[in-house]
Protein backbone atom coordinates (compact mmCIF):
# COMPACT_ATOMS: atom_id res chain seq x y z
CA MET A 1 53.32 147.73 -31.12
CA MET A 2 52.60 145.84 -34.07
CA ARG A 3 48.92 144.09 -33.54
CA ALA A 4 47.25 141.52 -35.76
CA THR A 5 43.75 142.32 -37.38
CA PRO A 6 41.52 139.75 -37.32
CA VAL A 7 40.26 139.41 -40.78
CA LYS A 8 38.85 136.34 -43.03
CA ARG A 9 41.41 133.94 -43.73
CA LEU A 10 42.28 133.50 -47.46
CA SER A 11 41.74 130.10 -49.62
CA CYS A 12 41.78 129.56 -52.88
CA ASN A 13 37.92 129.65 -52.75
CA ASP A 14 38.05 133.41 -51.38
CA GLY A 15 38.81 134.60 -55.05
CA GLU A 16 42.39 134.93 -54.85
CA ASN A 17 44.51 132.67 -56.19
CA PRO A 18 47.61 131.63 -52.87
CA ARG A 19 49.69 130.52 -56.42
CA LYS A 20 49.47 134.03 -57.52
CA LEU A 21 49.60 135.93 -54.33
CA HIS A 22 53.44 135.56 -53.95
CA ARG A 23 55.22 138.29 -55.65
CA ARG A 24 58.52 140.30 -54.52
CA SER A 25 58.47 144.12 -53.52
CA THR A 26 62.15 145.36 -53.94
CA ALA A 27 63.78 148.02 -51.91
CA HIS A 28 65.27 150.77 -53.99
CA SER A 29 69.10 150.75 -53.25
CA ALA A 30 71.27 150.77 -55.81
CA ASN A 31 74.78 149.92 -53.97
CA VAL A 32 73.61 147.10 -51.22
CA PRO A 33 71.67 144.04 -52.20
CA ALA A 34 68.51 143.68 -50.38
CA MET A 35 68.03 141.01 -47.99
CA HIS A 36 65.43 138.61 -49.36
CA ILE A 37 62.70 137.78 -47.11
CA LEU A 38 59.91 135.37 -47.93
CA LEU A 39 56.87 136.13 -45.62
CA VAL A 40 54.45 133.20 -45.39
CA GLU A 41 51.20 134.60 -43.82
CA ASP A 42 47.57 134.12 -44.14
CA ASP A 43 45.92 137.40 -42.72
CA ALA A 44 45.91 139.68 -45.53
CA ALA A 45 46.11 142.73 -43.50
CA MET A 46 49.06 141.49 -41.58
CA ARG A 47 50.67 140.33 -44.88
CA ALA A 48 50.22 143.93 -46.42
CA SER A 49 51.56 145.62 -43.64
CA LEU A 50 54.40 143.73 -42.81
CA GLU A 51 55.40 143.97 -46.84
CA ARG A 52 55.26 147.56 -46.50
CA ALA A 53 57.34 147.94 -43.21
CA LEU A 54 60.33 145.74 -44.37
CA THR A 55 60.38 147.17 -47.95
CA ARG A 56 60.59 150.38 -46.18
CA ARG A 57 63.57 148.94 -44.05
CA GLY A 58 65.51 147.90 -47.55
CA MET A 59 64.25 144.42 -47.76
CA GLN A 60 62.97 142.52 -50.91
CA VAL A 61 59.79 140.61 -49.61
CA SER A 62 58.10 137.53 -51.73
CA LEU A 63 54.95 136.76 -50.19
CA CYS A 64 52.68 133.56 -49.85
CA ALA A 65 49.19 133.24 -48.30
CA ASP A 66 48.85 129.44 -47.44
CA GLY A 67 50.87 126.33 -46.30
CA LEU A 68 50.28 124.30 -49.34
CA HIS A 69 52.33 126.51 -51.48
CA ALA A 70 55.14 127.78 -49.01
CA ALA A 71 57.49 124.65 -49.57
CA ALA A 72 57.72 125.43 -53.35
CA LEU A 73 57.69 128.85 -53.24
CA TRP A 74 60.82 128.60 -50.56
CA GLN A 75 62.55 126.05 -52.68
CA SER A 76 62.07 127.98 -56.00
CA LEU A 77 63.11 131.65 -54.34
CA GLN A 78 66.08 130.62 -52.12
CA PRO A 79 65.67 133.46 -50.14
CA ASP A 80 67.80 135.03 -47.21
CA ALA A 81 65.59 134.11 -44.65
CA VAL A 82 61.70 133.04 -43.77
CA VAL A 83 58.87 134.70 -42.01
CA LEU A 84 56.52 131.70 -41.23
CA ASP A 85 53.33 132.01 -39.27
CA LEU A 86 51.68 128.65 -37.92
CA SER A 87 48.27 129.20 -38.47
CA LEU A 88 48.16 128.55 -42.11
CA PRO A 89 45.35 127.18 -44.21
CA GLY A 90 46.11 124.28 -46.29
CA ARG A 91 49.38 123.04 -44.15
CA ASP A 92 50.21 124.08 -40.63
CA GLY A 93 53.53 126.08 -40.32
CA LEU A 94 55.15 123.46 -38.25
CA GLN A 95 54.61 120.84 -40.67
CA VAL A 96 56.03 123.57 -43.93
CA LEU A 97 59.04 123.90 -41.67
CA GLU A 98 59.72 120.33 -40.83
CA SER A 99 59.28 119.53 -44.19
CA MET A 100 62.10 121.53 -45.47
CA ARG A 101 64.48 120.96 -42.75
CA ALA A 102 64.28 117.30 -43.62
CA GLN A 103 65.23 118.18 -47.28
CA ASN A 104 68.14 120.00 -45.64
CA ALA A 105 66.97 123.45 -46.29
CA ILE A 106 69.03 125.37 -43.76
CA THR A 107 67.59 128.98 -44.35
CA PRO A 108 67.29 130.94 -41.03
CA VAL A 109 63.66 130.87 -39.99
CA LEU A 110 61.82 132.97 -37.93
CA ILE A 111 58.34 131.81 -36.53
CA LEU A 112 55.93 134.79 -36.11
CA THR A 113 52.64 133.92 -34.40
CA ALA A 114 49.84 134.41 -32.03
CA ARG A 115 50.86 131.34 -30.15
CA GLY A 116 52.41 132.67 -27.26
CA THR A 117 53.13 130.17 -24.99
CA VAL A 118 56.20 128.61 -23.74
CA GLY A 119 55.00 125.07 -24.97
CA ASP A 120 54.64 126.44 -28.74
CA ARG A 121 57.80 127.97 -28.60
CA VAL A 122 59.56 124.74 -27.87
CA LEU A 123 57.14 123.07 -30.32
CA GLY A 124 58.57 125.50 -33.22
CA LEU A 125 62.06 125.79 -32.18
CA ASN A 126 62.29 121.75 -31.90
CA ALA A 127 60.68 121.89 -35.56
CA GLY A 128 63.66 123.55 -36.74
CA ALA A 129 62.87 127.04 -36.05
CA ASP A 130 65.87 129.53 -35.37
CA ASP A 131 63.78 132.24 -33.60
CA TYR A 132 60.49 133.10 -32.39
CA LEU A 133 58.48 136.31 -31.93
CA ALA A 134 55.00 136.32 -30.35
CA LYS A 135 52.06 138.74 -31.82
CA PRO A 136 51.75 141.68 -30.73
CA PHE A 137 55.52 142.68 -31.83
CA ASP A 138 57.65 145.76 -32.43
CA LEU A 139 58.49 146.13 -36.24
CA ASP A 140 62.73 147.39 -35.11
CA GLU A 141 62.94 143.89 -33.21
CA LEU A 142 61.38 141.96 -35.85
CA GLU A 143 64.05 143.80 -38.29
CA ALA A 144 67.03 143.25 -35.68
CA ARG A 145 66.08 139.63 -35.41
CA LEU A 146 65.88 138.72 -38.97
CA ARG A 147 69.34 140.90 -39.95
CA ALA A 148 70.41 138.85 -36.83
CA LEU A 149 69.54 135.66 -37.99
CA VAL A 150 70.85 136.08 -41.75
CA ARG A 151 74.57 137.22 -40.08
CA ARG A 152 74.50 133.85 -38.40
CA SER A 153 73.17 132.06 -41.13
CA PRO A 154 75.23 128.62 -42.30
CA SER A 155 75.19 130.29 -46.19
CA ASN A 156 77.21 133.30 -44.52
CA MET A 157 79.55 131.07 -42.70
CA SER A 158 83.07 129.79 -44.69
CA SER A 159 83.02 126.55 -41.88
CA PRO A 160 82.17 123.18 -43.77
CA ALA A 161 80.76 121.91 -40.38
CA ALA A 162 77.86 124.59 -41.29
CA HIS A 163 76.60 122.43 -44.01
CA GLU A 164 76.89 119.30 -42.21
CA THR A 165 75.28 117.47 -38.67
CA VAL A 166 77.64 115.07 -37.01
CA PHE A 167 76.35 112.62 -34.30
CA GLY A 168 78.33 110.42 -33.01
CA THR A 169 80.01 108.29 -35.92
CA LEU A 170 77.33 109.38 -37.84
CA ARG A 171 77.71 112.64 -40.45
CA LEU A 172 74.69 114.13 -42.65
CA ASP A 173 76.27 116.07 -45.75
CA ARG A 174 72.98 118.89 -45.63
CA SER A 175 73.67 119.90 -49.20
CA SER A 176 73.71 116.09 -50.65
CA GLY A 177 71.57 114.44 -47.96
CA ALA A 178 74.31 111.70 -47.90
CA ILE A 179 74.76 110.04 -44.27
CA TYR A 180 78.29 108.45 -43.60
CA HIS A 181 79.22 106.44 -40.62
CA LEU A 182 83.23 106.93 -40.37
CA GLY A 183 83.24 108.41 -43.56
CA VAL A 184 81.94 105.45 -45.43
CA PRO A 185 78.62 106.44 -47.13
CA LEU A 186 75.28 104.30 -45.88
CA GLU A 187 73.14 102.74 -48.24
CA PHE A 188 69.30 103.57 -47.53
CA THR A 189 66.56 103.65 -49.26
CA PRO A 190 64.48 106.80 -50.04
CA ARG A 191 61.83 106.31 -47.11
CA GLU A 192 64.81 105.20 -44.75
CA ARG A 193 66.92 108.18 -45.80
CA ALA A 194 64.00 110.79 -45.23
CA LEU A 195 62.99 109.36 -41.57
CA MET A 196 67.35 109.41 -40.52
CA GLN A 197 67.42 113.05 -42.17
CA ALA A 198 64.83 114.22 -39.83
CA LEU A 199 65.73 112.40 -36.65
CA LEU A 200 69.47 113.28 -37.73
CA VAL A 201 68.94 117.40 -37.94
CA ARG A 202 67.46 117.07 -33.92
CA PRO A 203 69.66 114.77 -32.52
CA GLY A 204 68.56 113.69 -29.09
CA GLN A 205 65.18 115.41 -29.38
CA ALA A 206 62.17 112.97 -29.94
CA LEU A 207 60.26 113.41 -33.25
CA ALA A 208 56.10 111.81 -32.74
CA LYS A 209 55.11 109.19 -35.30
CA GLU A 210 52.62 111.30 -36.56
CA ARG A 211 55.25 114.04 -38.03
CA LEU A 212 57.66 111.23 -39.09
CA TYR A 213 54.65 109.66 -41.20
CA GLU A 214 54.18 113.04 -42.65
CA LEU A 215 57.93 113.51 -43.71
CA VAL A 216 58.44 109.87 -44.96
CA PHE A 217 55.19 109.43 -46.37
CA PRO A 218 53.99 112.77 -47.77
CA GLY A 219 50.63 112.69 -49.50
CA GLU A 220 50.18 109.19 -49.45
CA ILE A 221 46.92 108.86 -47.74
CA ASP A 222 46.44 105.00 -48.36
CA VAL A 223 49.34 104.16 -46.01
CA LYS A 224 48.96 103.55 -42.53
CA TYR A 225 50.78 105.20 -39.74
CA GLU A 226 52.27 101.50 -38.71
CA ALA A 227 54.43 101.53 -42.06
CA ILE A 228 56.50 103.91 -39.87
CA GLU A 229 57.35 101.11 -37.62
CA VAL A 230 58.53 98.99 -40.59
CA VAL A 231 60.83 101.68 -41.86
CA VAL A 232 62.30 102.25 -38.12
CA TYR A 233 62.72 98.87 -37.95
CA ARG A 234 64.97 98.35 -41.12
CA LEU A 235 67.01 101.43 -39.88
CA ARG A 236 67.75 99.61 -36.86
CA LYS A 237 69.23 96.88 -38.01
CA LYS A 238 71.09 98.60 -40.57
CA LEU A 239 72.27 100.94 -37.61
CA THR A 240 73.85 97.99 -35.84
CA GLY A 241 77.54 98.58 -34.82
CA THR A 242 77.43 102.38 -35.34
CA GLY A 243 77.18 103.20 -31.85
CA ILE A 244 73.95 104.86 -32.43
CA ASP A 245 70.55 103.55 -31.61
CA LEU A 246 67.13 104.47 -32.56
CA VAL A 247 64.61 104.67 -29.53
CA THR A 248 61.15 104.48 -29.22
CA LEU A 249 59.88 106.72 -26.27
CA ARG A 250 56.47 105.21 -25.57
CA GLY A 251 53.64 108.70 -26.33
CA LEU A 252 56.70 110.56 -27.45
CA GLY A 253 58.20 108.94 -31.00
CA TYR A 254 61.66 107.96 -31.55
CA LEU A 255 64.82 109.79 -31.13
CA LEU A 256 68.55 108.84 -32.19
CA LYS A 257 70.80 108.31 -28.84
CA LEU A 258 74.52 107.19 -28.58
CA SER A 259 74.80 103.51 -27.90
CA GLN A 260 75.58 102.93 -23.88
CA PRO A 261 79.24 100.96 -23.72
CA SER A 262 78.42 97.36 -22.81
CA GLN A 263 79.32 96.46 -19.29
CA THR A 264 81.92 93.57 -18.81
CA PRO A 265 81.82 92.23 -15.25
């Protein structure tokens, strides 16, 4: 069993620049393309151990040490799978995951973290993770889970349904970000579209206002949380007649649900 070793967390002030930290370890295989893994882990000892272990198992490994640069590396490298820690400096792993899912990233994600409670696992899976492995863990199990995720990933499937999300009369094209109602594209502002995408990729699941704020207003620290309510109000008007309701759950956030048919006496 492999256990995390407590070490000093890395940051830009530790003398090691996270932008330069990511690199690719290449497995030596002339015949079989190596599975490319993006490993996002701030613990230097754990990161180095996993890099060596996965490389020995024939995988290609790119490294990232913090949450601030993880999304940019994810987008630029387009790995086959992402191994993501949650307790990251700069930006929490859940925030990185939700941000990428809102941008239609379909890369399989395995959360690897010391947060092993049922509640933590539910949060991770609801945020868009495909699998969850708590520390300490077995390397053989990690490898098996990663290979299973890549086999089942939408990029390895020929079905068009793997690239879209359908909820009621709405359809989200994950590749383009377009949203259709009965085949007709709906017009949204960029902020409305970001909020709709975040809710459509997890239909029927509530998303907290704070999470939506981070996805709809990324980096805009001068915008108040109440601004989300304005976007929600506009979306409710645009969803009229689609059979989809944007519902507020007090204390939990917002979700999309199918409208109830009207009752006639």
